[in-house]
Amino acid sequence: MKNLMWLLQNTLKAAIFFTLFAFALNNQHDAVVHFFFGTTWQAPLVLVVLSAFVVGVAVGVLGMVPRWWRHRRSAKTTVPSAPPTTPDATHGI
């Protein structure tokens, strides 16, 4: 069962990789990105899409940083609770 799950996961990873690889090969045409004040950037379409993805991930991570800090600060100030006790054998179900 473990080997079957491993095989399915690797097959899915390979399918995703080859799909993205085929996308990159099919989109090598130049794209022009127009910024403000007449500035343009000309690059292959796959590079434009990849850079937009990277910028989106960076913005998402930077947006989560204050929450992570707040969570770490609250985790340091809380006192850990006592571990749960096991019930006696005489009081079991």
PDB file of N, CA and C in Angstrom:
ATOM      1  N   MET A   1       0.827  -1.192   0.000  1.00  0.00           N
ATOM      2  CA  MET A   1       0.000   0.000   0.000  1.00  0.00           C
ATOM      3  C   MET A   1       0.872   1.257   0.000  1.00  0.00           C
ATOM      4  N   LYS A   2       1.964   1.228   0.791  1.00  0.00           N
ATOM      5  CA  LYS A   2       2.863   2.375   0.852  1.00  0.00           C
ATOM      6  C   LYS A   2       3.542   2.589  -0.496  1.00  0.00           C
ATOM      7  N   ASN A   3       3.930   1.498  -1.151  1.00  0.00           N
ATOM      8  CA  ASN A   3       4.589   1.611  -2.446  1.00  0.00           C
ATOM      9  C   ASN A   3       3.637   2.145  -3.502  1.00  0.00           C
ATOM     10  N   LEU A   4       2.358   1.769  -3.409  1.00  0.00           N
ATOM     11  CA  LEU A   4       1.372   2.241  -4.363  1.00  0.00           C
ATOM     12  C   LEU A   4       1.167   3.751  -4.227  1.00  0.00           C
ATOM     13  N   MET A   5       1.092   4.243  -2.985  1.00  0.00           N
ATOM     14  CA  MET A   5       0.937   5.681  -2.759  1.00  0.00           C
ATOM     15  C   MET A   5       2.176   6.434  -3.252  1.00  0.00           C
ATOM     16  N   TRP A   6       3.351   5.877  -3.005  1.00  0.00           N
ATOM     17  CA  TRP A   6       4.596   6.494  -3.468  1.00  0.00           C
ATOM     18  C   TRP A   6       4.596   6.582  -4.993  1.00  0.00           C
ATOM     19  N   LEU A   7       4.166   5.500  -5.653  1.00  0.00           N
ATOM     20  CA  LEU A   7       4.122   5.474  -7.110  1.00  0.00           C
ATOM     21  C   LEU A   7       3.116   6.495  -7.644  1.00  0.00           C
ATOM     22  N   LEU A   8       1.948   6.586  -7.023  1.00  0.00           N
ATOM     23  CA  LEU A   8       0.943   7.550  -7.464  1.00  0.00           C
ATOM     24  C   LEU A   8       1.424   8.992  -7.276  1.00  0.00           C
ATOM     25  N   GLN A   9       2.078   9.267  -6.150  1.00  0.00           N
ATOM     26  CA  GLN A   9       2.584  10.613  -5.909  1.00  0.00           C
ATOM     27  C   GLN A   9       3.648  10.996  -6.934  1.00  0.00           C
ATOM     28  N   ASN A  10       4.562  10.087  -7.198  1.00  0.00           N
ATOM     29  CA  ASN A  10       5.620  10.388  -8.168  1.00  0.00           C
ATOM     30  C   ASN A  10       5.065  10.501  -9.584  1.00  0.00           C
ATOM     31  N   THR A  11       4.044   9.718  -9.902  1.00  0.00           N
ATOM     32  CA  THR A  11       3.414   9.817 -11.210  1.00  0.00           C
ATOM     33  C   THR A  11       2.725  11.171 -11.359  1.00  0.00           C
ATOM     34  N   LEU A  12       2.057  11.617 -10.318  1.00  0.00           N
ATOM     35  CA  LEU A  12       1.407  12.924 -10.357  1.00  0.00           C
ATOM     36  C   LEU A  12       2.438  14.039 -10.480  1.00  0.00           C
ATOM     37  N   LYS A  13       3.528  13.941  -9.732  1.00  0.00           N
ATOM     38  CA  LYS A  13       4.590  14.947  -9.832  1.00  0.00           C
ATOM     39  C   LYS A  13       5.178  14.987 -11.238  1.00  0.00           C
ATOM     40  N   ALA A  14       5.406  13.821 -11.835  1.00  0.00           N
ATOM     41  CA  ALA A  14       5.957  13.763 -13.188  1.00  0.00           C
ATOM     42  C   ALA A  14       4.973  14.352 -14.197  1.00  0.00           C
ATOM     43  N   ALA A  15       3.679  14.075 -14.027  1.00  0.00           N
ATOM     44  CA  ALA A  15       2.680  14.623 -14.937  1.00  0.00           C
ATOM     45  C   ALA A  15       2.624  16.141 -14.842  1.00  0.00           C
ATOM     46  N   ILE A  16       2.689  16.666 -13.642  1.00  0.00           N
ATOM     47  CA  ILE A  16       2.685  18.126 -13.467  1.00  0.00           C
ATOM     48  C   ILE A  16       3.941  18.737 -14.072  1.00  0.00           C
ATOM     49  N   PHE A  17       5.092  18.105 -13.847  1.00  0.00           N
ATOM     50  CA  PHE A  17       6.345  18.618 -14.409  1.00  0.00           C
ATOM     51  C   PHE A  17       6.289  18.637 -15.931  1.00  0.00           C
ATOM     52  N   PHE A  18       5.866  17.547 -16.554  1.00  0.00           N
ATOM     53  CA  PHE A  18       5.848  17.496 -18.015  1.00  0.00           C
ATOM     54  C   PHE A  18       4.797  18.432 -18.605  1.00  0.00           C
ATOM     55  N   THR A  19       3.695  18.646 -17.899  1.00  0.00           N
ATOM     56  CA  THR A  19       2.697  19.611 -18.358  1.00  0.00           C
ATOM     57  C   THR A  19       3.275  21.023 -18.346  1.00  0.00           C
ATOM     58  N   LEU A  20       3.943  21.383 -17.247  1.00  0.00           N
ATOM     59  CA  LEU A  20       4.557  22.708 -17.181  1.00  0.00           C
ATOM     60  C   LEU A  20       5.708  22.851 -18.172  1.00  0.00           C
ATOM     61  N   PHE A  21       6.436  21.777 -18.390  1.00  0.00           N
ATOM     62  CA  PHE A  21       7.539  21.807 -19.359  1.00  0.00           C
ATOM     63  C   PHE A  21       6.992  22.015 -20.774  1.00  0.00           C
ATOM     64  N   ALA A  22       5.904  21.321 -21.114  1.00  0.00           N
ATOM     65  CA  ALA A  22       5.280  21.504 -22.427  1.00  0.00           C
ATOM     66  C   ALA A  22       4.729  22.925 -22.562  1.00  0.00           C
ATOM     67  N   PHE A  23       4.160  23.468 -21.480  1.00  0.00           N
ATOM     68  CA  PHE A  23       3.687  24.854 -21.500  1.00  0.00           C
ATOM     69  C   PHE A  23       4.839  25.801 -21.796  1.00  0.00           C
ATOM     70  N   ALA A  24       5.971  25.576 -21.160  1.00  0.00           N
ATOM     71  CA  ALA A  24       7.133  26.444 -21.370  1.00  0.00           C
ATOM     72  C   ALA A  24       7.647  26.337 -22.805  1.00  0.00           C
ATOM     73  N   LEU A  25       7.641  25.138 -23.363  1.00  0.00           N
ATOM     74  CA  LEU A  25       8.122  24.975 -24.734  1.00  0.00           C
ATOM     75  C   LEU A  25       7.170  25.602 -25.745  1.00  0.00           C
ATOM     76  N   ASN A  26       5.875  25.561 -25.463  1.00  0.00           N
ATOM     77  CA  ASN A  26       4.886  26.103 -26.401  1.00  0.00           C
ATOM     78  C   ASN A  26       4.739  27.616 -26.296  1.00  0.00           C
ATOM     79  N   ASN A  27       5.248  28.238 -25.260  1.00  0.00           N
ATOM     80  CA  ASN A  27       5.082  29.671 -25.061  1.00  0.00           C
ATOM     81  C   ASN A  27       6.423  30.392 -25.013  1.00  0.00           C
ATOM     82  N   GLN A  28       7.185  30.236 -26.066  1.00  0.00           N
ATOM     83  CA  GLN A  28       8.475  30.898 -26.130  1.00  0.00           C
ATOM     84  C   GLN A  28       8.411  32.199 -26.919  1.00  0.00           C
ATOM     85  N   HIS A  29       7.220  32.607 -27.323  1.00  0.00           N
ATOM     86  CA  HIS A  29       7.065  33.853 -28.059  1.00  0.00           C
ATOM     87  C   HIS A  29       7.305  35.027 -27.113  1.00  0.00           C
ATOM     88  N   ASP A  30       7.734  36.125 -27.678  1.00  0.00           N
ATOM     89  CA  ASP A  30       7.983  37.302 -26.859  1.00  0.00           C
ATOM     90  C   ASP A  30       6.669  37.964 -26.448  1.00  0.00           C
ATOM     91  N   ALA A  31       6.643  38.424 -25.233  1.00  0.00           N
ATOM     92  CA  ALA A  31       5.512  39.183 -24.712  1.00  0.00           C
ATOM     93  C   ALA A  31       6.036  40.529 -24.238  1.00  0.00           C
ATOM     94  N   VAL A  32       5.218  41.532 -24.382  1.00  0.00           N
ATOM     95  CA  VAL A  32       5.612  42.875 -23.965  1.00  0.00           C
ATOM     96  C   VAL A  32       4.754  43.253 -22.763  1.00  0.00           C
ATOM     97  N   VAL A  33       5.401  43.608 -21.668  1.00  0.00           N
ATOM     98  CA  VAL A  33       4.709  44.056 -20.462  1.00  0.00           C
ATOM     99  C   VAL A  33       4.892  45.563 -20.391  1.00  0.00           C
ATOM    100  N   HIS A  34       3.765  46.284 -20.317  1.00  0.00           N
ATOM    101  CA  HIS A  34       3.799  47.744 -20.267  1.00  0.00           C
ATOM    102  C   HIS A  34       3.648  48.197 -18.818  1.00  0.00           C
ATOM    103  N   PHE A  35       4.662  48.895 -18.305  1.00  0.00           N
ATOM    104  CA  PHE A  35       4.623  49.451 -16.961  1.00  0.00           C
ATOM    105  C   PHE A  35       4.198  50.918 -17.052  1.00  0.00           C
ATOM    106  N   PHE A  36       4.293  51.614 -15.946  1.00  0.00           N
ATOM    107  CA  PHE A  36       3.945  53.030 -15.908  1.00  0.00           C
ATOM    108  C   PHE A  36       5.006  53.871 -16.615  1.00  0.00           C
ATOM    109  N   PHE A  37       4.605  55.056 -17.036  1.00  0.00           N
ATOM    110  CA  PHE A  37       5.481  56.066 -17.632  1.00  0.00           C
ATOM    111  C   PHE A  37       6.172  55.562 -18.903  1.00  0.00           C
ATOM    112  N   GLY A  38       5.492  54.723 -19.654  1.00  0.00           N
ATOM    113  CA  GLY A  38       6.011  54.279 -20.937  1.00  0.00           C
ATOM    114  C   GLY A  38       7.109  53.232 -20.867  1.00  0.00           C
ATOM    115  N   THR A  39       7.377  52.700 -19.692  1.00  0.00           N
ATOM    116  CA  THR A  39       8.405  51.678 -19.556  1.00  0.00           C
ATOM    117  C   THR A  39       7.839  50.339 -20.009  1.00  0.00           C
ATOM    118  N   THR A  40       8.596  49.606 -20.795  1.00  0.00           N
ATOM    119  CA  THR A  40       8.162  48.287 -21.265  1.00  0.00           C
ATOM    120  C   THR A  40       9.235  47.257 -20.961  1.00  0.00           C
ATOM    121  N   TRP A  41       8.781  46.009 -20.896  1.00  0.00           N
ATOM    122  CA  TRP A  41       9.699  44.891 -20.702  1.00  0.00           C
ATOM    123  C   TRP A  41       9.318  43.821 -21.698  1.00  0.00           C
ATOM    124  N   GLN A  42      10.253  43.391 -22.509  1.00  0.00           N
ATOM    125  CA  GLN A  42       9.992  42.385 -23.521  1.00  0.00           C
ATOM    126  C   GLN A  42      10.760  41.119 -23.131  1.00  0.00           C
ATOM    127  N   ALA A  43      10.021  40.008 -22.972  1.00  0.00           N
ATOM    128  CA  ALA A  43      10.622  38.741 -22.552  1.00  0.00           C
ATOM    129  C   ALA A  43       9.738  37.597 -23.042  1.00  0.00           C
ATOM    130  N   PRO A  44      10.253  36.371 -23.033  1.00  0.00           N
ATOM    131  CA  PRO A  44       9.410  35.229 -23.390  1.00  0.00           C
ATOM    132  C   PRO A  44       8.211  35.119 -22.438  1.00  0.00           C
ATOM    133  N   LEU A  45       7.089  34.671 -22.976  1.00  0.00           N
ATOM    134  CA  LEU A  45       5.853  34.613 -22.201  1.00  0.00           C
ATOM    135  C   LEU A  45       5.993  33.746 -20.961  1.00  0.00           C
ATOM    136  N   VAL A  46       6.694  32.648 -21.056  1.00  0.00           N
ATOM    137  CA  VAL A  46       6.836  31.761 -19.902  1.00  0.00           C
ATOM    138  C   VAL A  46       7.632  32.447 -18.795  1.00  0.00           C
ATOM    139  N   LEU A  47       8.580  33.299 -19.156  1.00  0.00           N
ATOM    140  CA  LEU A  47       9.342  34.044 -18.157  1.00  0.00           C
ATOM    141  C   LEU A  47       8.470  35.101 -17.478  1.00  0.00           C
ATOM    142  N   VAL A  48       7.582  35.713 -18.246  1.00  0.00           N
ATOM    143  CA  VAL A  48       6.663  36.700 -17.678  1.00  0.00           C
ATOM    144  C   VAL A  48       5.717  36.023 -16.692  1.00  0.00           C
ATOM    145  N   VAL A  49       5.180  34.867 -17.053  1.00  0.00           N
ATOM    146  CA  VAL A  49       4.267  34.141 -16.167  1.00  0.00           C
ATOM    147  C   VAL A  49       5.000  33.672 -14.909  1.00  0.00           C
ATOM    148  N   LEU A  50       6.211  33.157 -15.069  1.00  0.00           N
ATOM    149  CA  LEU A  50       6.998  32.711 -13.919  1.00  0.00           C
ATOM    150  C   LEU A  50       7.324  33.864 -12.980  1.00  0.00           C
ATOM    151  N   SER A  51       7.694  35.007 -13.527  1.00  0.00           N
ATOM    152  CA  SER A  51       8.018  36.144 -12.669  1.00  0.00           C
ATOM    153  C   SER A  51       6.773  36.668 -11.958  1.00  0.00           C
ATOM    154  N   ALA A  52       5.606  36.634 -12.605  1.00  0.00           N
ATOM    155  CA  ALA A  52       4.367  37.046 -11.937  1.00  0.00           C
ATOM    156  C   ALA A  52       4.040  36.091 -10.790  1.00  0.00           C
ATOM    157  N   PHE A  53       4.291  34.813 -10.981  1.00  0.00           N
ATOM    158  CA  PHE A  53       4.065  33.832  -9.916  1.00  0.00           C
ATOM    159  C   PHE A  53       5.001  34.083  -8.736  1.00  0.00           C
ATOM    160  N   VAL A  54       6.262  34.335  -9.023  1.00  0.00           N
ATOM    161  CA  VAL A  54       7.254  34.572  -7.964  1.00  0.00           C
ATOM    162  C   VAL A  54       6.914  35.843  -7.188  1.00  0.00           C
ATOM    163  N   VAL A  55       6.508  36.886  -7.890  1.00  0.00           N
ATOM    164  CA  VAL A  55       6.131  38.132  -7.213  1.00  0.00           C
ATOM    165  C   VAL A  55       4.903  37.893  -6.348  1.00  0.00           C
ATOM    166  N   GLY A  56       3.940  37.123  -6.825  1.00  0.00           N
ATOM    167  CA  GLY A  56       2.754  36.819  -6.034  1.00  0.00           C
ATOM    168  C   GLY A  56       3.074  36.033  -4.773  1.00  0.00           C
ATOM    169  N   VAL A  57       3.957  35.076  -4.875  1.00  0.00           N
ATOM    170  CA  VAL A  57       4.366  34.304  -3.692  1.00  0.00           C
ATOM    171  C   VAL A  57       5.089  35.203  -2.698  1.00  0.00           C
ATOM    172  N   ALA A  58       5.953  36.063  -3.193  1.00  0.00           N
ATOM    173  CA  ALA A  58       6.689  36.975  -2.301  1.00  0.00           C
ATOM    174  C   ALA A  58       5.740  37.925  -1.574  1.00  0.00           C
ATOM    175  N   VAL A  59       4.754  38.456  -2.279  1.00  0.00           N
ATOM    176  CA  VAL A  59       3.781  39.349  -1.642  1.00  0.00           C
ATOM    177  C   VAL A  59       2.976  38.583  -0.599  1.00  0.00           C
ATOM    178  N   GLY A  60       2.600  37.345  -0.890  1.00  0.00           N
ATOM    179  CA  GLY A  60       1.864  36.536   0.071  1.00  0.00           C
ATOM    180  C   GLY A  60       2.668  36.235   1.321  1.00  0.00           C
ATOM    181  N   VAL A  61       3.925  35.904   1.154  1.00  0.00           N
ATOM    182  CA  VAL A  61       4.786  35.622   2.310  1.00  0.00           C
ATOM    183  C   VAL A  61       4.996  36.880   3.142  1.00  0.00           C
ATOM    184  N   LEU A  62       5.257  38.005   2.482  1.00  0.00           N
ATOM    185  CA  LEU A  62       5.450  39.254   3.217  1.00  0.00           C
ATOM    186  C   LEU A  62       4.165  39.688   3.919  1.00  0.00           C
ATOM    187  N   GLY A  63       3.021  39.365   3.357  1.00  0.00           N
ATOM    188  CA  GLY A  63       1.761  39.682   4.011  1.00  0.00           C
ATOM    189  C   GLY A  63       1.508  38.841   5.240  1.00  0.00           C
ATOM    190  N   MET A  64       2.089  37.656   5.305  1.00  0.00           N
ATOM    191  CA  MET A  64       1.886  36.762   6.445  1.00  0.00           C
ATOM    192  C   MET A  64       2.897  36.979   7.561  1.00  0.00           C
ATOM    193  N   VAL A  65       3.980  37.703   7.311  1.00  0.00           N
ATOM    194  CA  VAL A  65       5.023  37.885   8.311  1.00  0.00           C
ATOM    195  C   VAL A  65       4.498  38.495   9.617  1.00  0.00           C
ATOM    196  N   PRO A  66       3.681  39.558   9.592  1.00  0.00           N
ATOM    197  CA  PRO A  66       3.188  40.088  10.871  1.00  0.00           C
ATOM    198  C   PRO A  66       2.376  39.072  11.670  1.00  0.00           C
ATOM    199  N   ARG A  67       1.588  38.256  11.014  1.00  0.00           N
ATOM    200  CA  ARG A  67       0.823  37.225  11.730  1.00  0.00           C
ATOM    201  C   ARG A  67       1.745  36.178  12.335  1.00  0.00           C
ATOM    202  N   TRP A  68       2.787  35.801  11.605  1.00  0.00           N
ATOM    203  CA  TRP A  68       3.732  34.819  12.145  1.00  0.00           C
ATOM    204  C   TRP A  68       4.419  35.374  13.383  1.00  0.00           C
ATOM    205  N   TRP A  69       4.841  36.650  13.307  1.00  0.00           N
ATOM    206  CA  TRP A  69       5.487  37.263  14.473  1.00  0.00           C
ATOM    207  C   TRP A  69       4.536  37.314  15.658  1.00  0.00           C
ATOM    208  N   ARG A  70       3.284  37.709  15.427  1.00  0.00           N
ATOM    209  CA  ARG A  70       2.296  37.789  16.502  1.00  0.00           C
ATOM    210  C   ARG A  70       2.048  36.403  17.107  1.00  0.00           C
ATOM    211  N   HIS A  71       1.981  35.403  16.253  1.00  0.00           N
ATOM    212  CA  HIS A  71       1.762  34.033  16.728  1.00  0.00           C
ATOM    213  C   HIS A  71       2.947  33.545  17.559  1.00  0.00           C
ATOM    214  N   ARG A  72       4.164  33.824  17.110  1.00  0.00           N
ATOM    215  CA  ARG A  72       5.353  33.408  17.864  1.00  0.00           C
ATOM    216  C   ARG A  72       5.426  34.120  19.212  1.00  0.00           C
ATOM    217  N   ARG A  73       5.077  35.418  19.211  1.00  0.00           N
ATOM    218  CA  ARG A  73       5.103  36.185  20.447  1.00  0.00           C
ATOM    219  C   ARG A  73       4.076  35.640  21.440  1.00  0.00           C
ATOM    220  N   SER A  74       2.871  35.313  20.961  1.00  0.00           N
ATOM    221  CA  SER A  74       1.850  34.776  21.868  1.00  0.00           C
ATOM    222  C   SER A  74       2.208  33.368  22.327  1.00  0.00           C
ATOM    223  N   ALA A  75       2.892  32.590  21.490  1.00  0.00           N
ATOM    224  CA  ALA A  75       3.297  31.244  21.888  1.00  0.00           C
ATOM    225  C   ALA A  75       4.380  31.290  22.964  1.00  0.00           C
ATOM    226  N   LYS A  76       5.234  32.301  22.932  1.00  0.00           N
ATOM    227  CA  LYS A  76       6.286  32.424  23.948  1.00  0.00           C
ATOM    228  C   LYS A  76       5.729  32.865  25.287  1.00  0.00           C
ATOM    229  N   THR A  77       4.657  33.668  25.272  1.00  0.00           N
ATOM    230  CA  THR A  77       4.132  34.203  26.531  1.00  0.00           C
ATOM    231  C   THR A  77       3.172  33.253  27.224  1.00  0.00           C
ATOM    232  N   THR A  78       2.567  32.324  26.506  1.00  0.00           N
ATOM    233  CA  THR A  78       1.623  31.403  27.145  1.00  0.00           C
ATOM    234  C   THR A  78       2.371  30.331  27.916  1.00  0.00           C
ATOM    235  N   VAL A  79       1.783  29.917  29.012  1.00  0.00           N
ATOM    236  CA  VAL A  79       2.370  28.871  29.840  1.00  0.00           C
ATOM    237  C   VAL A  79       1.861  27.534  29.313  1.00  0.00           C
ATOM    238  N   PRO A  80       2.743  26.585  29.045  1.00  0.00           N
ATOM    239  CA  PRO A  80       2.269  25.302  28.544  1.00  0.00           C
ATOM    240  C   PRO A  80       1.413  24.594  29.597  1.00  0.00           C
ATOM    241  N   SER A  81       0.347  23.982  29.134  1.00  0.00           N
ATOM    242  CA  SER A  81      -0.550  23.284  30.057  1.00  0.00           C
ATOM    243  C   SER A  81       0.052  21.936  30.450  1.00  0.00           C
ATOM    244  N   ALA A  82      -0.462  21.405  31.538  1.00  0.00           N
ATOM    245  CA  ALA A  82       0.015  20.110  32.027  1.00  0.00           C
ATOM    246  C   ALA A  82      -0.434  19.029  31.048  1.00  0.00           C
ATOM    247  N   PRO A  83       0.371  17.987  30.882  1.00  0.00           N
ATOM    248  CA  PRO A  83      -0.025  16.923  29.963  1.00  0.00           C
ATOM    249  C   PRO A  83      -1.263  16.203  30.500  1.00  0.00           C
ATOM    250  N   PRO A  84      -2.093  15.693  29.606  1.00  0.00           N
ATOM    251  CA  PRO A  84      -3.300  15.008  30.068  1.00  0.00           C
ATOM    252  C   PRO A  84      -2.943  13.745  30.847  1.00  0.00           C
ATOM    253  N   THR A  85      -3.703  13.497  31.882  1.00  0.00           N
ATOM    254  CA  THR A  85      -3.455  12.311  32.700  1.00  0.00           C
ATOM    255  C   THR A  85      -4.261  11.148  32.164  1.00  0.00           C
ATOM    256  N   THR A  86      -3.720   9.966  32.320  1.00  0.00           N
ATOM    257  CA  THR A  86      -4.437   8.785  31.878  1.00  0.00           C
ATOM    258  C   THR A  86      -5.368   8.318  32.991  1.00  0.00           C
ATOM    259  N   PRO A  87      -6.566   7.880  32.661  1.00  0.00           N
ATOM    260  CA  PRO A  87      -7.491   7.429  33.691  1.00  0.00           C
ATOM    261  C   PRO A  87      -7.029   6.100  34.278  1.00  0.00           C
ATOM    262  N   ASP A  88      -7.408   5.871  35.498  1.00  0.00           N
ATOM    263  CA  ASP A  88      -7.081   4.601  36.168  1.00  0.00           C
ATOM    264  C   ASP A  88      -7.836   3.462  35.484  1.00  0.00           C
ATOM    265  N   ALA A  89      -7.293   2.279  35.638  1.00  0.00           N
ATOM    266  CA  ALA A  89      -7.935   1.104  35.048  1.00  0.00           C
ATOM    267  C   ALA A  89      -9.277   0.812  35.711  1.00  0.00           C
ATOM    268  N   THR A  90      -9.417   1.185  36.956  1.00  0.00           N
ATOM    269  CA  THR A  90     -10.674   0.894  37.669  1.00  0.00           C
ATOM    270  C   THR A  90     -11.794   1.840  37.243  1.00  0.00           C
ATOM    271  N   HIS A  91     -11.435   3.007  36.693  1.00  0.00           N
ATOM    272  CA  HIS A  91     -12.458   3.968  36.300  1.00  0.00           C
ATOM    273  C   HIS A  91     -12.674   3.990  34.786  1.00  0.00           C
ATOM    274  N   GLY A  92     -12.200   3.008  34.095  1.00  0.00           N
ATOM    275  CA  GLY A  92     -12.342   2.958  32.652  1.00  0.00           C
ATOM    276  C   GLY A  92     -13.757   2.633  32.212  1.00  0.00           C
ATOM    277  N   ILE A  93     -13.945   2.566  30.932  1.00  0.00           N
ATOM    278  CA  ILE A  93     -15.277   2.302  30.389  1.00  0.00           C
ATOM    279  C   ILE A  93     -15.598   0.836  30.454  1.00  0.00           C
TER     280      ILE A  93
END
